[in-house]
Protein backbone atom coordinates (compact mmCIF):
# COMPACT_ATOMS: atom_id res chain seq x y z
CA MET A 1 9.04 3.70 -2.13
CA VAL A 2 5.67 3.59 -0.41
CA HIS A 3 4.37 4.69 2.96
CA PRO A 4 1.10 5.81 4.57
CA GLU A 5 0.58 9.50 3.87
CA GLN A 6 0.79 11.78 6.89
CA GLY A 7 -2.67 12.40 8.34
CA SER A 8 -4.04 9.02 7.25
CA ASN A 9 -6.25 7.12 9.67
CA ALA A 10 -8.33 3.94 9.76
CA SER A 11 -11.26 5.51 7.90
CA HIS A 12 -9.13 7.29 5.26
CA LEU A 13 -5.83 5.53 4.55
CA VAL A 14 -3.78 6.97 1.71
CA PHE A 15 -0.46 5.62 0.47
CA HIS A 16 2.28 7.74 -1.03
CA ALA A 17 4.01 5.72 -3.81
CA PHE A 18 6.93 7.49 -5.43
CA VAL A 19 10.30 7.08 -7.11
CA TYR A 20 13.12 7.53 -4.59
CA PRO A 21 14.56 10.05 -3.80
CA ASP A 22 12.06 12.43 -5.43
CA SER A 23 8.86 12.11 -3.37
CA LEU A 24 7.02 14.40 -5.80
CA ARG A 25 7.19 12.07 -8.79
CA PRO A 26 4.75 9.10 -8.87
CA ASN A 27 6.09 5.63 -9.62
CA ARG A 28 4.48 5.30 -13.05
CA ASP A 29 5.98 1.81 -13.44
CA LEU A 30 4.07 0.57 -10.41
CA SER A 31 2.39 -2.72 -11.31
CA GLY A 32 0.88 -3.78 -8.00
CA ILE A 33 0.12 -2.73 -4.46
CA SER A 34 -1.05 -4.86 -1.55
CA VAL A 35 -1.71 -4.57 2.17
CA ARG A 36 -1.03 -7.64 4.32
CA ALA A 37 -0.84 -8.51 7.98
CA CYS A 38 2.75 -8.34 9.20
CA ARG A 39 4.73 -11.52 8.84
CA ALA A 40 4.92 -13.81 11.82
CA ALA A 41 8.24 -14.55 13.51
CA ASP A 42 8.52 -17.72 11.39
CA ARG A 43 8.38 -15.52 8.25
CA VAL A 44 5.02 -16.87 7.10
CA GLU A 45 3.26 -14.36 4.86
CA GLY A 46 0.37 -12.55 6.46
CA ARG A 47 -3.24 -12.41 5.31
CA VAL A 48 -3.90 -10.14 2.33
CA PHE A 49 -6.32 -7.30 3.16
CA TRP A 50 -6.23 -5.50 -0.20
CA ALA A 51 -4.45 -6.12 -3.52
CA VAL A 52 -4.64 -4.49 -6.94
CA GLU A 53 -2.47 -4.90 -10.01
CA ARG A 54 -2.09 -3.12 -13.31
CA GLY A 55 -2.43 -6.13 -15.58
CA LYS A 56 -1.48 -6.16 -19.25
CA ARG A 57 -3.75 -3.30 -20.32
CA GLY A 58 -3.84 -1.31 -17.12
CA ALA A 59 -3.18 2.40 -17.02
CA ARG A 60 -0.07 3.82 -15.41
CA ILE A 61 -0.49 5.57 -12.09
CA GLU A 62 -0.43 9.32 -12.64
CA ASP A 63 -0.83 10.32 -9.00
CA ARG A 64 1.59 9.50 -6.21
CA LEU A 65 -1.30 9.14 -3.73
CA ILE A 66 -3.32 5.91 -3.72
CA GLU A 67 -6.32 5.45 -1.43
CA TYR A 68 -6.75 2.13 0.38
CA GLY A 69 -9.62 0.23 -1.22
CA ALA A 70 -9.73 2.36 -4.36
CA GLU A 71 -9.36 0.76 -7.76
CA PRO A 72 -6.96 2.68 -10.00
CA ALA A 73 -8.36 3.15 -13.52
CA LYS A 74 -8.18 -0.06 -15.58
CA TRP A 75 -6.48 -2.01 -12.78
CA ILE A 76 -7.54 -5.45 -11.55
CA VAL A 77 -8.71 -6.00 -7.98
CA ARG A 78 -7.13 -9.23 -6.72
CA GLN A 79 -8.40 -8.80 -3.15
CA PRO A 80 -11.16 -6.30 -2.34
CA ALA A 81 -10.32 -4.12 0.65
CA VAL A 82 -11.15 -5.54 4.06
CA VAL A 83 -11.74 -3.28 7.07
CA LEU A 84 -8.48 -3.00 8.99
CA THR A 85 -8.49 -3.59 12.72
CA PRO A 86 -5.79 -2.51 15.18
CA GLY A 87 -2.51 -4.27 14.47
CA CYS A 88 0.59 -4.44 12.31
CA TYR A 89 0.43 -4.30 8.49
CA GLU A 90 2.77 -4.24 5.49
CA VAL A 91 2.12 -2.24 2.35
CA ARG A 92 3.99 -3.65 -0.64
CA THR A 93 4.54 -2.29 -4.11
CA GLN A 94 5.86 -4.05 -7.20
CA GLY A 95 6.96 -2.80 -10.59
CA GLY A 96 9.71 -1.09 -12.49
CA GLY A 97 12.35 -2.97 -10.54
CA ILE A 98 11.34 -0.95 -7.49
CA GLY A 99 9.63 -3.29 -5.07
CA ALA A 100 9.17 -1.77 -1.64
CA THR A 101 7.63 -2.76 1.68
CA THR A 102 6.76 -0.50 4.59
CA ILE A 103 5.40 -1.62 7.93
CA PHE A 104 2.72 0.44 9.64
CA TRP A 105 0.55 0.08 12.72
CA LEU A 106 -3.10 0.86 13.19
CA SER A 107 -3.86 1.82 16.79
CA ARG A 108 -7.13 1.31 18.68
CA ASP A 109 -8.01 4.98 18.18
CA GLY A 110 -7.63 4.63 14.37
CA ALA A 111 -4.30 6.46 14.12
CA ILE A 112 -1.64 5.22 11.69
CA ASP A 113 1.97 4.99 12.86
CA SER A 114 4.76 4.09 10.45
CA ALA A 115 7.57 5.74 12.42
CA ARG A 116 8.58 2.51 14.18
CA ASN A 117 9.87 0.66 11.12
């Protein structure tokens, strides 16, 4: 599972990636995380705003909190972070058979809202 951490905003966006149902245990099998624009009605994938992946020699995530734009130790940046503007986004995780997607919204005042998904 993954979602924006409570208290996140446009200038400090943190994702909480964990193994369901225990939100205290990080998903150590996580192999990738990306942030994209929400899909259009025709299901076309949105623009990628940030993407990192573990790669063959990458370290496992030891923390359940991952900051937008940060590069986890020994991970590969596939898309450097782009400044997010107000709108709809998807955060996706891959790995360990636990792929997850959560939709969140960035408002004009910089607040993050993921309660609508």
